[in-house]
Amino acid sequence: MESTGINGSDGEGNGASTHSGLGEALLCQNVWRLLVVRLMRKQSTKREALPTIGQVPNELWARIAPILAELDPPKPMGRKRINARAALDAILFRLRSGCQWNQLPKDFPDDSSVHRTFQRWIQLGLFDRIWAALVEACAELGGVTWEWQAADAAMSKARLGGVALVPIPPIAAKLG
């Protein structure tokens, strides 16, 4: 029997409980690997590269596919859409690497098709639903402990004046 850390975690921050099935533990680990872009690390001059995720694991896709089928079913007419799993792989690669859409590797579908799919999924709220389902799955495993929270923000000047909420009154009448 493996030893567990605090709150049933495996001691490596994965949050996978040792009493749950291996597939479920791997699913929880892969969920966080996919959804967390940056890991908290010590500041150093040389950063260790994050492991590459080429494809969404089968266990994770089994949870995502029904949500996708419900919110974004195939159209009855017109041109066929690109493969949804390949599109999700490309979107996650793009979000993880920070590359431009037109710099996606050739292993993925056409960049404009992937971007169009990404925009459609955003409008449908697909990523919110996926996030909720995966957090729920991890919570059922006892894999998420919400003991602390962190927030990150940046403030800067609004370019070109931002959005005007109210009209600006004239300061003074022009003289002469």
Protein backbone atom coordinates (compact mmCIF):
# COMPACT_ATOMS: atom_id res chain seq x y z
CA MET A 1 0.00 0.00 0.00
CA GLU A 2 1.34 3.41 -0.93
CA SER A 3 1.59 6.15 1.62
CA THR A 4 -0.51 9.20 1.14
CA GLY A 5 0.13 12.80 2.02
CA ILE A 6 -2.15 15.34 3.61
CA ASN A 7 -5.81 15.06 2.56
CA GLY A 8 -5.22 11.77 0.76
CA SER A 9 -2.92 13.24 -1.86
CA ASP A 10 0.03 11.32 -3.19
CA GLY A 11 2.50 13.87 -1.85
CA GLU A 12 3.44 15.23 -5.26
CA GLY A 13 0.65 17.77 -5.54
CA ASN A 14 -1.37 15.63 -7.92
CA GLY A 15 -4.17 15.22 -5.43
CA ALA A 16 -4.88 11.69 -6.63
CA SER A 17 -6.20 9.50 -3.87
CA THR A 18 -4.55 6.09 -3.64
CA HIS A 19 -7.82 4.35 -2.80
CA SER A 20 -9.47 5.30 -6.10
CA GLY A 21 -8.89 3.48 -9.36
CA LEU A 22 -5.70 4.08 -11.29
CA GLY A 23 -7.61 5.35 -14.33
CA GLU A 24 -9.49 7.90 -12.25
CA ALA A 25 -6.28 9.05 -10.58
CA LEU A 26 -4.59 9.45 -13.95
CA LEU A 27 -7.63 11.34 -15.21
CA CYS A 28 -7.42 13.79 -12.32
CA GLN A 29 -3.68 14.22 -12.85
CA ASN A 30 -4.15 14.80 -16.59
CA VAL A 31 -6.95 17.30 -15.97
CA TRP A 32 -4.69 19.50 -13.94
CA ARG A 33 -1.80 19.03 -16.34
CA LEU A 34 -4.03 20.24 -19.18
CA LEU A 35 -5.71 23.11 -17.39
CA VAL A 36 -2.80 24.58 -15.43
CA VAL A 37 -0.58 26.64 -17.69
CA ARG A 38 2.02 27.72 -15.17
CA LEU A 39 3.26 25.87 -12.14
CA MET A 40 4.47 27.62 -9.02
CA ARG A 41 8.25 27.31 -8.96
CA LYS A 42 11.25 29.00 -7.43
CA GLN A 43 12.62 31.83 -9.50
CA SER A 44 15.65 30.61 -11.39
CA THR A 45 17.63 31.68 -14.39
CA LYS A 46 16.94 28.45 -16.26
CA ARG A 47 13.35 27.26 -16.43
CA GLU A 48 12.48 23.65 -16.87
CA ALA A 49 10.16 23.03 -19.83
CA LEU A 50 6.69 21.71 -19.09
CA PRO A 51 6.00 18.24 -20.47
CA THR A 52 4.36 18.30 -23.87
CA ILE A 53 0.83 17.04 -24.13
CA GLY A 54 0.30 15.83 -27.67
CA GLN A 55 -3.21 14.48 -27.34
CA VAL A 56 -6.05 14.59 -24.89
CA PRO A 57 -5.95 11.24 -23.04
CA ASN A 58 -8.75 8.77 -23.82
CA GLU A 59 -10.15 8.90 -20.26
CA LEU A 60 -10.42 12.68 -20.45
CA TRP A 61 -11.92 12.61 -23.95
CA ALA A 62 -14.56 10.16 -22.72
CA ARG A 63 -15.75 12.87 -20.32
CA ILE A 64 -15.50 15.74 -22.81
CA ALA A 65 -17.14 14.09 -25.85
CA PRO A 66 -20.70 13.94 -24.41
CA ILE A 67 -20.54 17.62 -23.43
CA LEU A 68 -19.33 18.50 -26.90
CA ALA A 69 -22.07 16.40 -28.55
CA GLU A 70 -24.70 18.15 -26.43
CA LEU A 71 -23.54 21.75 -26.95
CA ASP A 72 -22.11 21.58 -30.47
CA PRO A 73 -23.77 18.80 -32.48
CA PRO A 74 -22.82 18.38 -36.16
CA LYS A 75 -24.80 20.50 -38.61
CA PRO A 76 -27.23 18.58 -40.86
CA MET A 77 -26.13 20.43 -43.99
CA GLY A 78 -23.07 22.18 -45.32
CA ARG A 79 -19.39 21.47 -45.11
CA LYS A 80 -18.25 18.94 -42.53
CA ARG A 81 -16.49 20.31 -39.48
CA ILE A 82 -12.96 19.40 -38.54
CA ASN A 83 -12.33 16.58 -36.08
CA ALA A 84 -13.34 17.91 -32.65
CA ARG A 85 -10.66 15.99 -30.78
CA ALA A 86 -7.93 17.25 -33.11
CA ALA A 87 -9.31 20.79 -32.72
CA LEU A 88 -9.22 20.50 -28.93
CA ASP A 89 -5.65 19.18 -29.09
CA ALA A 90 -4.66 22.17 -31.24
CA ILE A 91 -6.45 24.66 -28.98
CA LEU A 92 -4.75 23.26 -25.87
CA PHE A 93 -1.38 23.33 -27.64
CA ARG A 94 -1.95 26.96 -28.65
CA LEU A 95 -3.01 27.99 -25.13
CA ARG A 96 -0.14 26.10 -23.53
CA SER A 97 2.62 27.26 -25.87
CA GLY A 98 1.42 30.80 -26.55
CA CYS A 99 2.18 30.49 -30.26
CA GLN A 100 0.17 32.38 -32.87
CA TRP A 101 -2.72 30.59 -34.53
CA ASN A 102 -0.92 30.53 -37.86
CA GLN A 103 2.12 28.91 -36.21
CA LEU A 104 0.36 25.72 -35.12
CA PRO A 105 2.36 22.63 -36.09
CA LYS A 106 1.31 20.79 -39.24
CA ASP A 107 0.14 17.84 -37.10
CA PHE A 108 -2.99 19.83 -36.25
CA PRO A 109 -5.89 20.85 -38.52
CA ASP A 110 -5.88 24.13 -40.47
CA ASP A 111 -5.24 27.12 -38.21
CA SER A 112 -8.24 29.14 -39.36
CA SER A 113 -10.56 26.16 -38.86
CA VAL A 114 -9.18 25.59 -35.37
CA HIS A 115 -9.58 29.29 -34.53
CA ARG A 116 -13.14 29.34 -35.86
CA THR A 117 -13.93 26.25 -33.78
CA PHE A 118 -12.36 27.87 -30.71
CA GLN A 119 -14.50 30.99 -31.14
CA ARG A 120 -17.66 28.91 -31.60
CA TRP A 121 -16.91 26.87 -28.48
CA ILE A 122 -16.28 30.04 -26.46
CA GLN A 123 -19.67 31.42 -27.52
CA LEU A 124 -21.39 28.14 -26.65
CA GLY A 125 -19.80 28.11 -23.19
CA LEU A 126 -18.20 24.73 -23.88
CA PHE A 127 -15.02 25.37 -21.90
CA ASP A 128 -17.00 26.47 -18.83
CA ARG A 129 -18.99 23.23 -18.97
CA ILE A 130 -15.85 21.13 -19.45
CA TRP A 131 -14.17 22.88 -16.52
CA ALA A 132 -17.20 22.31 -14.27
CA ALA A 133 -17.43 18.63 -15.20
CA LEU A 134 -13.72 18.02 -14.63
CA VAL A 135 -13.64 19.84 -11.30
CA GLU A 136 -16.65 17.77 -10.23
CA ALA A 137 -14.89 14.55 -11.31
CA CYS A 138 -11.77 15.51 -9.38
CA ALA A 139 -13.84 16.48 -6.34
CA GLU A 140 -15.49 13.04 -6.38
CA LEU A 141 -12.00 11.56 -6.21
CA GLY A 142 -11.05 13.80 -3.32
CA GLY A 143 -8.35 15.21 -5.56
CA VAL A 144 -9.01 18.92 -5.16
CA THR A 145 -8.46 20.60 -1.82
CA TRP A 146 -9.43 24.26 -1.91
CA GLU A 147 -7.29 25.28 1.07
CA TRP A 148 -5.88 28.36 -0.62
CA GLN A 149 -6.52 30.50 -3.63
CA ALA A 150 -4.33 32.75 -5.72
CA ALA A 151 -5.13 35.58 -8.07
CA ASP A 152 -2.99 37.36 -10.59
CA ALA A 153 -3.78 40.66 -12.27
CA ALA A 154 -2.23 43.48 -14.21
CA MET A 155 -3.34 47.07 -14.65
CA SER A 156 -2.31 49.41 -17.40
CA LYS A 157 -3.46 52.52 -19.18
CA ALA A 158 -6.34 52.04 -21.59
CA ARG A 159 -5.04 52.47 -25.11
CA LEU A 160 -6.72 55.17 -27.17
CA GLY A 161 -8.65 56.41 -24.16
CA GLY A 162 -10.73 53.28 -23.53
CA VAL A 163 -14.51 53.27 -23.72
CA ALA A 164 -16.32 56.52 -22.96
CA LEU A 165 -19.08 55.91 -20.42
CA VAL A 166 -20.32 59.51 -20.21
CA PRO A 167 -19.82 62.49 -22.48
CA ILE A 168 -16.98 64.77 -21.45
CA PRO A 169 -18.21 68.34 -20.87
CA PRO A 170 -16.19 71.21 -22.40
CA ILE A 171 -13.70 72.73 -19.96
CA ALA A 172 -14.19 76.38 -20.90
CA ALA A 173 -15.70 78.43 -23.70
CA LYS A 174 -13.29 79.45 -26.45
CA LEU A 175 -12.14 83.03 -26.20
CA GLY A 176 -12.14 85.32 -29.12
